[in-house]
Amino acid sequence: MSRREDLLDRATDHVMQHGLIGLTLRPLAAAIDTSDRMLIYHFGNRDALVSAVVARCGERSSAYVDAMPGAPTVRSAVNRLWTAFGEEPLNSCLDVYVQAAASGLFGSEPYLSEARASNERWSSALAGYLVRSGAPARRVARVVTLVDSALYGFHLDLATDRPDELARGVDDLARAAQMLAD
């Protein structure tokens, strides 16, 4: 592994644990046992580093979904995916993505291109998982759009104290996804 890749993995681990909001180079460098100058040398600037961290989170979350075995039905697949949203690495990766979006980073470069590429990788991983779970390939794009958008919304709603209501909502989504797939 190159020095840049090692720094990127350590920076990503740090951001997944501590968040993206308020990230500055000196404290990050100190936390991952390097200097801000080394980060600039390997990434060019803070924007390029943050873009690479968001991309690495996207790679990790997509790899996680790619590795998930298919479920017996689309409905059970959606419910399993929801459970995975609450586990690592998906939980932290999704949080980083939401923080980047909430910070307005995705509206301009270098973030916009990376966000699009990350979204394509994620959608592809999600489509593969749903096909492994019985969704027909000809309908999976519609199922992915529904499930992806809704689960992000449910993920954001986790700040509430209604986990049973959220679980019911996710299962309603899962039933709708099953009907769309059938």
N, C-alpha and C. Protein backbone atom coordinates (compact mmCIF):
# COMPACT_ATOMS: atom_id res chain seq x y z
N MET A 1 0.85 -1.17 0.00
CA MET A 1 0.00 0.00 0.00
C MET A 1 0.90 1.24 0.00
N SER A 2 0.55 2.21 -0.84
CA SER A 2 1.34 3.44 -0.92
C SER A 2 1.10 4.29 0.33
N ARG A 3 2.01 5.22 0.53
CA ARG A 3 1.88 6.14 1.66
C ARG A 3 0.58 6.94 1.56
N ARG A 4 0.22 7.37 0.35
CA ARG A 4 -1.02 8.13 0.15
C ARG A 4 -2.22 7.28 0.54
N GLU A 5 -2.24 6.03 0.11
CA GLU A 5 -3.37 5.15 0.43
C GLU A 5 -3.46 4.89 1.93
N ASP A 6 -2.31 4.74 2.57
CA ASP A 6 -2.30 4.54 4.03
C ASP A 6 -2.86 5.78 4.73
N LEU A 7 -2.41 6.95 4.32
CA LEU A 7 -2.93 8.19 4.92
C LEU A 7 -4.42 8.35 4.65
N LEU A 8 -4.84 8.00 3.46
CA LEU A 8 -6.26 8.10 3.13
C LEU A 8 -7.08 7.16 4.00
N ASP A 9 -6.63 5.94 4.18
CA ASP A 9 -7.36 5.01 5.04
C ASP A 9 -7.42 5.50 6.48
N ARG A 10 -6.31 6.02 6.98
CA ARG A 10 -6.31 6.53 8.36
C ARG A 10 -7.18 7.77 8.49
N ALA A 11 -7.12 8.66 7.50
CA ALA A 11 -7.97 9.85 7.53
C ALA A 11 -9.45 9.45 7.45
N THR A 12 -9.76 8.47 6.62
CA THR A 12 -11.14 8.00 6.49
C THR A 12 -11.61 7.39 7.80
N ASP A 13 -10.78 6.57 8.42
CA ASP A 13 -11.14 5.98 9.72
C ASP A 13 -11.43 7.09 10.74
N HIS A 14 -10.59 8.11 10.74
CA HIS A 14 -10.77 9.22 11.69
C HIS A 14 -12.10 9.94 11.42
N VAL A 15 -12.35 10.26 10.16
CA VAL A 15 -13.57 10.98 9.80
C VAL A 15 -14.80 10.13 10.11
N MET A 16 -14.72 8.83 9.87
CA MET A 16 -15.85 7.96 10.18
C MET A 16 -16.14 7.94 11.68
N GLN A 17 -15.11 8.10 12.47
CA GLN A 17 -15.30 8.09 13.93
C GLN A 17 -15.70 9.46 14.47
N HIS A 18 -15.12 10.53 13.91
CA HIS A 18 -15.30 11.86 14.48
C HIS A 18 -16.13 12.82 13.64
N GLY A 19 -16.40 12.45 12.41
CA GLY A 19 -17.23 13.29 11.56
C GLY A 19 -16.43 14.19 10.64
N LEU A 20 -17.12 14.72 9.67
CA LEU A 20 -16.53 15.57 8.65
C LEU A 20 -16.68 17.05 8.97
N ILE A 21 -17.74 17.38 9.69
CA ILE A 21 -18.02 18.79 10.00
C ILE A 21 -16.89 19.36 10.86
N GLY A 22 -16.36 20.48 10.45
CA GLY A 22 -15.30 21.15 11.21
C GLY A 22 -13.92 20.55 11.03
N LEU A 23 -13.76 19.63 10.10
CA LEU A 23 -12.47 18.98 9.88
C LEU A 23 -11.44 19.99 9.38
N THR A 24 -10.31 20.06 10.06
CA THR A 24 -9.19 20.89 9.61
C THR A 24 -7.94 20.02 9.54
N LEU A 25 -6.98 20.44 8.75
CA LEU A 25 -5.82 19.60 8.46
C LEU A 25 -4.92 19.35 9.66
N ARG A 26 -4.59 20.37 10.44
CA ARG A 26 -3.64 20.17 11.54
C ARG A 26 -4.14 19.17 12.58
N PRO A 27 -5.36 19.33 13.09
CA PRO A 27 -5.85 18.33 14.05
C PRO A 27 -5.99 16.93 13.43
N LEU A 28 -6.42 16.87 12.19
CA LEU A 28 -6.51 15.57 11.52
C LEU A 28 -5.13 14.94 11.41
N ALA A 29 -4.17 15.71 10.96
CA ALA A 29 -2.80 15.19 10.82
C ALA A 29 -2.28 14.68 12.16
N ALA A 30 -2.48 15.44 13.21
CA ALA A 30 -2.02 15.01 14.54
C ALA A 30 -2.72 13.71 14.95
N ALA A 31 -3.99 13.60 14.65
CA ALA A 31 -4.75 12.41 15.06
C ALA A 31 -4.30 11.16 14.32
N ILE A 32 -3.78 11.32 13.11
CA ILE A 32 -3.36 10.14 12.34
C ILE A 32 -1.83 10.03 12.24
N ASP A 33 -1.15 10.73 13.13
CA ASP A 33 0.32 10.64 13.26
C ASP A 33 1.07 11.02 12.00
N THR A 34 0.71 12.18 11.47
CA THR A 34 1.45 12.73 10.34
C THR A 34 1.43 14.24 10.50
N SER A 35 1.84 14.96 9.47
CA SER A 35 1.81 16.42 9.52
C SER A 35 0.85 16.94 8.46
N ASP A 36 0.40 18.18 8.67
CA ASP A 36 -0.47 18.77 7.67
C ASP A 36 0.27 18.94 6.35
N ARG A 37 1.57 19.14 6.41
CA ARG A 37 2.36 19.26 5.18
C ARG A 37 2.36 17.96 4.38
N MET A 38 2.41 16.83 5.08
CA MET A 38 2.37 15.54 4.38
C MET A 38 1.00 15.34 3.73
N LEU A 39 -0.05 15.76 4.41
CA LEU A 39 -1.38 15.64 3.82
C LEU A 39 -1.49 16.50 2.56
N ILE A 40 -0.96 17.72 2.63
CA ILE A 40 -0.97 18.60 1.46
C ILE A 40 -0.11 18.02 0.33
N TYR A 41 1.03 17.46 0.69
CA TYR A 41 1.92 16.84 -0.31
C TYR A 41 1.18 15.73 -1.06
N HIS A 42 0.48 14.88 -0.32
CA HIS A 42 -0.16 13.72 -0.93
C HIS A 42 -1.53 14.02 -1.55
N PHE A 43 -2.21 15.05 -1.07
CA PHE A 43 -3.57 15.32 -1.56
C PHE A 43 -3.74 16.67 -2.23
N GLY A 44 -2.78 17.57 -2.06
CA GLY A 44 -2.83 18.88 -2.70
C GLY A 44 -3.45 19.95 -1.84
N ASN A 45 -4.62 19.68 -1.28
CA ASN A 45 -5.30 20.64 -0.42
C ASN A 45 -6.40 19.93 0.36
N ARG A 46 -7.04 20.67 1.24
CA ARG A 46 -8.08 20.10 2.09
C ARG A 46 -9.25 19.57 1.26
N ASP A 47 -9.67 20.33 0.24
CA ASP A 47 -10.79 19.89 -0.58
C ASP A 47 -10.52 18.54 -1.24
N ALA A 48 -9.32 18.37 -1.77
CA ALA A 48 -8.98 17.11 -2.42
C ALA A 48 -8.94 15.97 -1.41
N LEU A 49 -8.45 16.24 -0.21
CA LEU A 49 -8.43 15.22 0.84
C LEU A 49 -9.85 14.85 1.25
N VAL A 50 -10.69 15.83 1.50
CA VAL A 50 -12.07 15.55 1.90
C VAL A 50 -12.79 14.79 0.79
N SER A 51 -12.57 15.18 -0.45
CA SER A 51 -13.18 14.47 -1.57
C SER A 51 -12.73 13.01 -1.60
N ALA A 52 -11.44 12.79 -1.37
CA ALA A 52 -10.92 11.41 -1.34
C ALA A 52 -11.49 10.61 -0.18
N VAL A 53 -11.67 11.26 0.97
CA VAL A 53 -12.25 10.58 2.14
C VAL A 53 -13.70 10.20 1.85
N VAL A 54 -14.47 11.11 1.29
CA VAL A 54 -15.87 10.81 0.96
C VAL A 54 -15.92 9.67 -0.06
N ALA A 55 -15.02 9.70 -1.02
CA ALA A 55 -14.96 8.62 -2.02
C ALA A 55 -14.61 7.29 -1.37
N ARG A 56 -13.66 7.31 -0.45
CA ARG A 56 -13.26 6.07 0.22
C ARG A 56 -14.42 5.52 1.06
N CYS A 57 -15.18 6.40 1.70
CA CYS A 57 -16.37 5.94 2.42
C CYS A 57 -17.35 5.29 1.46
N GLY A 58 -17.52 5.90 0.29
CA GLY A 58 -18.39 5.31 -0.72
C GLY A 58 -17.90 3.95 -1.18
N GLU A 59 -16.60 3.81 -1.35
CA GLU A 59 -16.03 2.51 -1.73
C GLU A 59 -16.29 1.47 -0.64
N ARG A 60 -16.09 1.86 0.59
CA ARG A 60 -16.29 0.93 1.70
C ARG A 60 -17.75 0.50 1.81
N SER A 61 -18.66 1.45 1.69
CA SER A 61 -20.08 1.08 1.81
C SER A 61 -20.51 0.21 0.63
N SER A 62 -20.05 0.53 -0.56
CA SER A 62 -20.40 -0.29 -1.72
C SER A 62 -19.82 -1.69 -1.60
N ALA A 63 -18.59 -1.80 -1.14
CA ALA A 63 -17.96 -3.11 -0.95
C ALA A 63 -18.73 -3.94 0.08
N TYR A 64 -19.22 -3.28 1.12
CA TYR A 64 -19.99 -3.98 2.14
C TYR A 64 -21.26 -4.56 1.53
N VAL A 65 -21.98 -3.76 0.76
CA VAL A 65 -23.22 -4.23 0.14
C VAL A 65 -22.92 -5.29 -0.92
N ASP A 66 -21.82 -5.12 -1.67
CA ASP A 66 -21.43 -6.14 -2.65
C ASP A 66 -21.20 -7.49 -1.99
N ALA A 67 -20.72 -7.48 -0.75
CA ALA A 67 -20.41 -8.72 -0.04
C ALA A 67 -21.62 -9.33 0.67
N MET A 68 -22.72 -8.60 0.74
CA MET A 68 -23.90 -9.14 1.42
C MET A 68 -24.50 -10.26 0.58
N PRO A 69 -24.76 -11.42 1.21
CA PRO A 69 -25.42 -12.48 0.46
C PRO A 69 -26.87 -12.09 0.16
N GLY A 70 -27.40 -12.63 -0.91
CA GLY A 70 -28.78 -12.35 -1.24
C GLY A 70 -29.72 -12.85 -0.15
N ALA A 71 -30.84 -12.20 -0.04
CA ALA A 71 -31.88 -12.59 0.91
C ALA A 71 -32.92 -13.42 0.15
N PRO A 72 -33.79 -14.12 0.88
CA PRO A 72 -34.79 -14.95 0.20
C PRO A 72 -35.79 -14.16 -0.65
N THR A 73 -36.07 -12.92 -0.27
CA THR A 73 -37.02 -12.08 -1.01
C THR A 73 -36.51 -10.64 -1.01
N VAL A 74 -37.06 -9.85 -1.90
CA VAL A 74 -36.72 -8.42 -1.93
C VAL A 74 -37.13 -7.77 -0.61
N ARG A 75 -38.30 -8.13 -0.12
CA ARG A 75 -38.75 -7.57 1.15
C ARG A 75 -37.75 -7.84 2.26
N SER A 76 -37.31 -9.08 2.40
CA SER A 76 -36.33 -9.38 3.46
C SER A 76 -34.99 -8.71 3.17
N ALA A 77 -34.66 -8.54 1.89
CA ALA A 77 -33.41 -7.86 1.54
C ALA A 77 -33.43 -6.41 2.02
N VAL A 78 -34.55 -5.72 1.82
CA VAL A 78 -34.65 -4.33 2.26
C VAL A 78 -34.56 -4.25 3.78
N ASN A 79 -35.23 -5.13 4.47
CA ASN A 79 -35.15 -5.14 5.93
C ASN A 79 -33.73 -5.46 6.41
N ARG A 80 -33.05 -6.38 5.74
CA ARG A 80 -31.65 -6.68 6.10
C ARG A 80 -30.75 -5.48 5.83
N LEU A 81 -31.00 -4.81 4.72
CA LEU A 81 -30.21 -3.62 4.40
C LEU A 81 -30.42 -2.55 5.46
N TRP A 82 -31.65 -2.39 5.91
CA TRP A 82 -31.92 -1.42 6.97
C TRP A 82 -31.13 -1.76 8.23
N THR A 83 -31.09 -3.03 8.59
CA THR A 83 -30.29 -3.46 9.75
C THR A 83 -28.83 -3.11 9.53
N ALA A 84 -28.33 -3.34 8.33
CA ALA A 84 -26.93 -3.03 8.01
C ALA A 84 -26.65 -1.53 8.09
N PHE A 85 -27.66 -0.70 7.80
CA PHE A 85 -27.49 0.75 7.91
C PHE A 85 -27.12 1.16 9.34
N GLY A 86 -27.51 0.38 10.31
CA GLY A 86 -27.21 0.69 11.70
C GLY A 86 -25.91 0.10 12.19
N GLU A 87 -25.21 -0.63 11.33
CA GLU A 87 -23.95 -1.29 11.69
C GLU A 87 -22.79 -0.63 10.96
N GLU A 88 -21.60 -0.94 11.44
CA GLU A 88 -20.41 -0.43 10.76
C GLU A 88 -20.01 -1.40 9.65
N PRO A 89 -19.54 -0.89 8.55
CA PRO A 89 -19.16 0.50 8.29
C PRO A 89 -20.28 1.36 7.70
N LEU A 90 -21.42 0.74 7.35
CA LEU A 90 -22.45 1.54 6.67
C LEU A 90 -22.91 2.74 7.46
N ASN A 91 -23.14 2.57 8.75
CA ASN A 91 -23.64 3.69 9.55
C ASN A 91 -22.72 4.90 9.44
N SER A 92 -21.46 4.72 9.67
CA SER A 92 -20.52 5.86 9.62
C SER A 92 -20.32 6.37 8.21
N CYS A 93 -20.27 5.47 7.23
CA CYS A 93 -20.11 5.91 5.84
C CYS A 93 -21.29 6.76 5.41
N LEU A 94 -22.49 6.34 5.77
CA LEU A 94 -23.68 7.12 5.42
C LEU A 94 -23.67 8.46 6.14
N ASP A 95 -23.23 8.47 7.39
CA ASP A 95 -23.14 9.73 8.12
C ASP A 95 -22.18 10.70 7.44
N VAL A 96 -21.04 10.20 6.98
CA VAL A 96 -20.06 11.06 6.28
C VAL A 96 -20.69 11.61 5.01
N TYR A 97 -21.36 10.76 4.26
CA TYR A 97 -22.01 11.21 3.03
C TYR A 97 -23.05 12.29 3.32
N VAL A 98 -23.86 12.09 4.34
CA VAL A 98 -24.89 13.06 4.71
C VAL A 98 -24.23 14.37 5.18
N GLN A 99 -23.16 14.27 5.95
CA GLN A 99 -22.46 15.48 6.41
C GLN A 99 -21.89 16.25 5.23
N ALA A 100 -21.34 15.54 4.25
CA ALA A 100 -20.81 16.22 3.07
C ALA A 100 -21.93 16.90 2.30
N ALA A 101 -23.05 16.20 2.15
CA ALA A 101 -24.19 16.79 1.44
C ALA A 101 -24.74 17.99 2.19
N ALA A 102 -24.87 17.86 3.52
CA ALA A 102 -25.41 18.95 4.33
C ALA A 102 -24.48 20.16 4.34
N SER A 103 -23.21 19.93 4.16
CA SER A 103 -22.24 21.03 4.14
C SER A 103 -22.22 21.73 2.79
N GLY A 104 -22.98 21.23 1.86
CA GLY A 104 -23.01 21.85 0.54
C GLY A 104 -21.82 21.51 -0.32
N LEU A 105 -21.09 20.48 0.07
CA LEU A 105 -19.87 20.16 -0.66
C LEU A 105 -20.14 19.58 -2.04
N PHE A 106 -21.28 18.93 -2.23
CA PHE A 106 -21.52 18.22 -3.47
C PHE A 106 -21.93 19.12 -4.63
N GLY A 107 -22.17 20.38 -4.39
CA GLY A 107 -22.62 21.27 -5.46
C GLY A 107 -21.52 21.79 -6.35
N SER A 108 -20.26 21.61 -5.95
CA SER A 108 -19.15 22.12 -6.75
C SER A 108 -18.01 21.12 -6.76
N GLU A 109 -17.09 21.34 -7.65
CA GLU A 109 -15.93 20.45 -7.76
C GLU A 109 -14.94 20.76 -6.66
N PRO A 110 -14.18 19.80 -6.17
CA PRO A 110 -14.03 18.44 -6.68
C PRO A 110 -15.09 17.47 -6.17
N TYR A 111 -16.00 17.94 -5.36
CA TYR A 111 -16.94 17.04 -4.71
C TYR A 111 -18.01 16.50 -5.64
N LEU A 112 -18.50 17.32 -6.54
CA LEU A 112 -19.63 16.94 -7.38
C LEU A 112 -19.32 15.68 -8.19
N SER A 113 -18.20 15.65 -8.87
CA SER A 113 -17.84 14.48 -9.68
C SER A 113 -17.68 13.24 -8.82
N GLU A 114 -17.04 13.41 -7.68
CA GLU A 114 -16.83 12.26 -6.80
C GLU A 114 -18.15 11.78 -6.22
N ALA A 115 -19.03 12.69 -5.88
CA ALA A 115 -20.34 12.29 -5.36
C ALA A 115 -21.12 11.51 -6.41
N ARG A 116 -21.06 11.95 -7.65
CA ARG A 116 -21.75 11.22 -8.72
C ARG A 116 -21.16 9.83 -8.91
N ALA A 117 -19.84 9.75 -8.91
CA ALA A 117 -19.19 8.43 -9.06
C ALA A 117 -19.52 7.53 -7.89
N SER A 118 -19.52 8.09 -6.70
CA SER A 118 -19.85 7.32 -5.50
C SER A 118 -21.30 6.84 -5.56
N ASN A 119 -22.20 7.71 -6.00
CA ASN A 119 -23.61 7.33 -6.12
C ASN A 119 -23.79 6.20 -7.14
N GLU A 120 -23.03 6.25 -8.22
CA GLU A 120 -23.12 5.19 -9.23
C GLU A 120 -22.63 3.86 -8.66
N ARG A 121 -21.50 3.88 -7.92
CA ARG A 121 -20.99 2.65 -7.30
C ARG A 121 -22.02 2.10 -6.31
N TRP A 122 -22.58 2.99 -5.48
CA TRP A 122 -23.56 2.57 -4.48
C TRP A 122 -24.80 1.97 -5.16
N SER A 123 -25.31 2.64 -6.18
CA SER A 123 -26.50 2.14 -6.87
C SER A 123 -26.23 0.79 -7.52
N SER A 124 -25.06 0.63 -8.07
CA SER A 124 -24.68 -0.65 -8.67
C SER A 124 -24.61 -1.75 -7.62
N ALA A 125 -24.01 -1.45 -6.48
CA ALA A 125 -23.92 -2.44 -5.39
C ALA A 125 -25.32 -2.79 -4.89
N LEU A 126 -26.16 -1.79 -4.72
CA LEU A 126 -27.52 -2.02 -4.25
C LEU A 126 -28.30 -2.84 -5.27
N ALA A 127 -28.14 -2.54 -6.55
CA ALA A 127 -28.83 -3.31 -7.60
C ALA A 127 -28.37 -4.76 -7.58
N GLY A 128 -27.08 -4.98 -7.46
CA GLY A 128 -26.57 -6.35 -7.40
C GLY A 128 -27.15 -7.12 -6.22
N TYR A 129 -27.21 -6.47 -5.08
CA TYR A 129 -27.77 -7.10 -3.88
C TYR A 129 -29.25 -7.45 -4.08
N LEU A 130 -30.00 -6.54 -4.64
CA LEU A 130 -31.43 -6.78 -4.84
C LEU A 130 -31.67 -7.86 -5.90
N VAL A 131 -30.84 -7.90 -6.93
CA VAL A 131 -30.96 -8.98 -7.92
C VAL A 131 -30.62 -10.32 -7.26
N ARG A 132 -29.58 -10.36 -6.42
CA ARG A 132 -29.26 -11.60 -5.68
C ARG A 132 -30.41 -12.01 -4.77
N SER A 133 -31.26 -11.06 -4.43
CA SER A 133 -32.39 -11.31 -3.54
C SER A 133 -33.70 -11.52 -4.30
N GLY A 134 -33.62 -11.65 -5.60
CA GLY A 134 -34.79 -12.00 -6.39
C GLY A 134 -35.41 -10.91 -7.23
N ALA A 135 -34.91 -9.69 -7.17
CA ALA A 135 -35.46 -8.63 -8.03
C ALA A 135 -35.05 -8.90 -9.48
N PRO A 136 -35.99 -8.83 -10.40
CA PRO A 136 -35.62 -9.03 -11.80
C PRO A 136 -34.78 -7.85 -12.31
N ALA A 137 -33.78 -8.17 -13.09
CA ALA A 137 -32.86 -7.13 -13.59
C ALA A 137 -33.60 -6.03 -14.33
N ARG A 138 -34.68 -6.38 -15.02
CA ARG A 138 -35.40 -5.37 -15.81
C ARG A 138 -36.14 -4.35 -14.93
N ARG A 139 -36.36 -4.68 -13.66
CA ARG A 139 -37.08 -3.78 -12.76
C ARG A 139 -36.20 -3.22 -11.64
N VAL A 140 -34.99 -3.70 -11.53
CA VAL A 140 -34.19 -3.37 -10.35
C VAL A 140 -33.87 -1.88 -10.25
N ALA A 141 -33.73 -1.17 -11.36
CA ALA A 141 -33.40 0.26 -11.29
C ALA A 141 -34.50 1.03 -10.55
N ARG A 142 -35.75 0.71 -10.81
CA ARG A 142 -36.85 1.38 -10.12
C ARG A 142 -36.85 1.04 -8.63
N VAL A 143 -36.56 -0.22 -8.32
CA VAL A 143 -36.52 -0.65 -6.92
C VAL A 143 -35.38 0.07 -6.20
N VAL A 144 -34.23 0.17 -6.86
CA VAL A 144 -33.07 0.85 -6.26
C VAL A 144 -33.41 2.30 -5.96
N THR A 145 -34.05 2.99 -6.90
CA THR A 145 -34.41 4.40 -6.68
C THR A 145 -35.30 4.55 -5.46
N LEU A 146 -36.32 3.71 -5.38
CA LEU A 146 -37.25 3.77 -4.25
C LEU A 146 -36.54 3.46 -2.93
N VAL A 147 -35.84 2.35 -2.89
CA VAL A 147 -35.22 1.88 -1.65
C VAL A 147 -34.13 2.83 -1.20
N ASP A 148 -33.29 3.25 -2.11
CA ASP A 148 -32.16 4.12 -1.76
C ASP A 148 -32.64 5.44 -1.17
N SER A 149 -33.56 6.09 -1.86
CA SER A 149 -34.05 7.38 -1.38
C SER A 149 -34.76 7.25 -0.04
N ALA A 150 -35.59 6.25 0.08
CA ALA A 150 -36.35 6.08 1.32
C ALA A 150 -35.45 5.70 2.49
N LEU A 151 -34.52 4.78 2.27
CA LEU A 151 -33.65 4.37 3.39
C LEU A 151 -32.76 5.52 3.86
N TYR A 152 -32.31 6.37 2.94
CA TYR A 152 -31.56 7.55 3.38
C TYR A 152 -32.42 8.42 4.28
N GLY A 153 -33.67 8.60 3.89
CA GLY A 153 -34.58 9.38 4.72
C GLY A 153 -34.80 8.74 6.08
N PHE A 154 -35.00 7.44 6.11
CA PHE A 154 -35.15 6.74 7.39
C PHE A 154 -33.88 6.85 8.22
N HIS A 155 -32.73 6.78 7.57
CA HIS A 155 -31.45 6.90 8.28
C HIS A 155 -31.34 8.26 8.97
N LEU A 156 -31.76 9.28 8.28
CA LEU A 156 -31.73 10.62 8.86
C LEU A 156 -32.71 10.76 10.00
N ASP A 157 -33.79 10.01 9.96
CA ASP A 157 -34.82 10.08 10.98
C ASP A 157 -34.43 9.31 12.25
N LEU A 158 -33.27 8.69 12.27
CA LEU A 158 -32.83 7.94 13.44
C LEU A 158 -32.61 8.82 14.65
N ALA A 159 -32.56 10.11 14.45
CA ALA A 159 -32.38 11.01 15.59
C ALA A 159 -33.63 11.04 16.46
N THR A 160 -34.71 10.51 15.95
CA THR A 160 -35.94 10.49 16.74
C THR A 160 -35.90 9.34 17.73
N ASP A 161 -36.88 9.30 18.59
CA ASP A 161 -36.94 8.23 19.59
C ASP A 161 -38.06 7.24 19.25
N ARG A 162 -38.28 6.99 17.96
CA ARG A 162 -39.34 6.11 17.53
C ARG A 162 -38.81 4.94 16.71
N PRO A 163 -37.92 4.13 17.24
CA PRO A 163 -37.35 3.05 16.44
C PRO A 163 -38.39 2.04 15.95
N ASP A 164 -39.42 1.76 16.74
CA ASP A 164 -40.45 0.82 16.30
C ASP A 164 -41.23 1.38 15.10
N GLU A 165 -41.51 2.68 15.15
CA GLU A 165 -42.21 3.31 14.04
C GLU A 165 -41.34 3.31 12.78
N LEU A 166 -40.06 3.57 12.96
CA LEU A 166 -39.14 3.52 11.82
C LEU A 166 -39.09 2.11 11.23
N ALA A 167 -39.01 1.10 12.08
CA ALA A 167 -38.97 -0.28 11.61
C ALA A 167 -40.24 -0.63 10.83
N ARG A 168 -41.38 -0.17 11.30
CA ARG A 168 -42.64 -0.40 10.57
C ARG A 168 -42.60 0.31 9.21
N GLY A 169 -42.10 1.52 9.21
CA GLY A 169 -41.99 2.26 7.95
C GLY A 169 -41.06 1.57 6.97
N VAL A 170 -39.95 1.05 7.47
CA VAL A 170 -39.01 0.33 6.60
C VAL A 170 -39.68 -0.93 6.05
N ASP A 171 -40.43 -1.63 6.88
CA ASP A 171 -41.10 -2.84 6.38
C ASP A 171 -42.18 -2.47 5.36
N ASP A 172 -42.86 -1.33 5.55
CA ASP A 172 -43.80 -0.87 4.53
C ASP A 172 -43.06 -0.62 3.21
N LEU A 173 -41.90 0.01 3.31
CA LEU A 173 -41.05 0.22 2.13
C LEU A 173 -40.66 -1.12 1.51
N ALA A 174 -40.27 -2.06 2.36
CA ALA A 174 -39.84 -3.37 1.88
C ALA A 174 -40.98 -4.07 1.13
N ARG A 175 -42.19 -3.96 1.63
CA ARG A 175 -43.35 -4.56 0.94
C ARG A 175 -43.59 -3.86 -0.40
N ALA A 176 -43.45 -2.54 -0.42
CA ALA A 176 -43.62 -1.80 -1.68
C ALA A 176 -42.54 -2.20 -2.68
N ALA A 177 -41.32 -2.34 -2.22
CA ALA A 177 -40.23 -2.77 -3.09
C ALA A 177 -40.49 -4.17 -3.64
N GLN A 178 -41.01 -5.04 -2.81
CA GLN A 178 -41.35 -6.40 -3.26
C GLN A 178 -42.42 -6.35 -4.36
N MET A 179 -43.44 -5.53 -4.14
CA MET A 179 -44.51 -5.42 -5.14
C MET A 179 -43.96 -4.84 -6.45
N LEU A 180 -43.06 -3.87 -6.35
CA LEU A 180 -42.46 -3.28 -7.55
C LEU A 180 -41.61 -4.31 -8.29
N ALA A 181 -40.97 -5.18 -7.53
CA ALA A 181 -40.11 -6.20 -8.13
C ALA A 181 -40.91 -7.34 -8.77
N ASP A 182 -42.10 -7.58 -8.24
CA ASP A 182 -42.92 -8.71 -8.74
C ASP A 182 -43.55 -8.43 -10.08
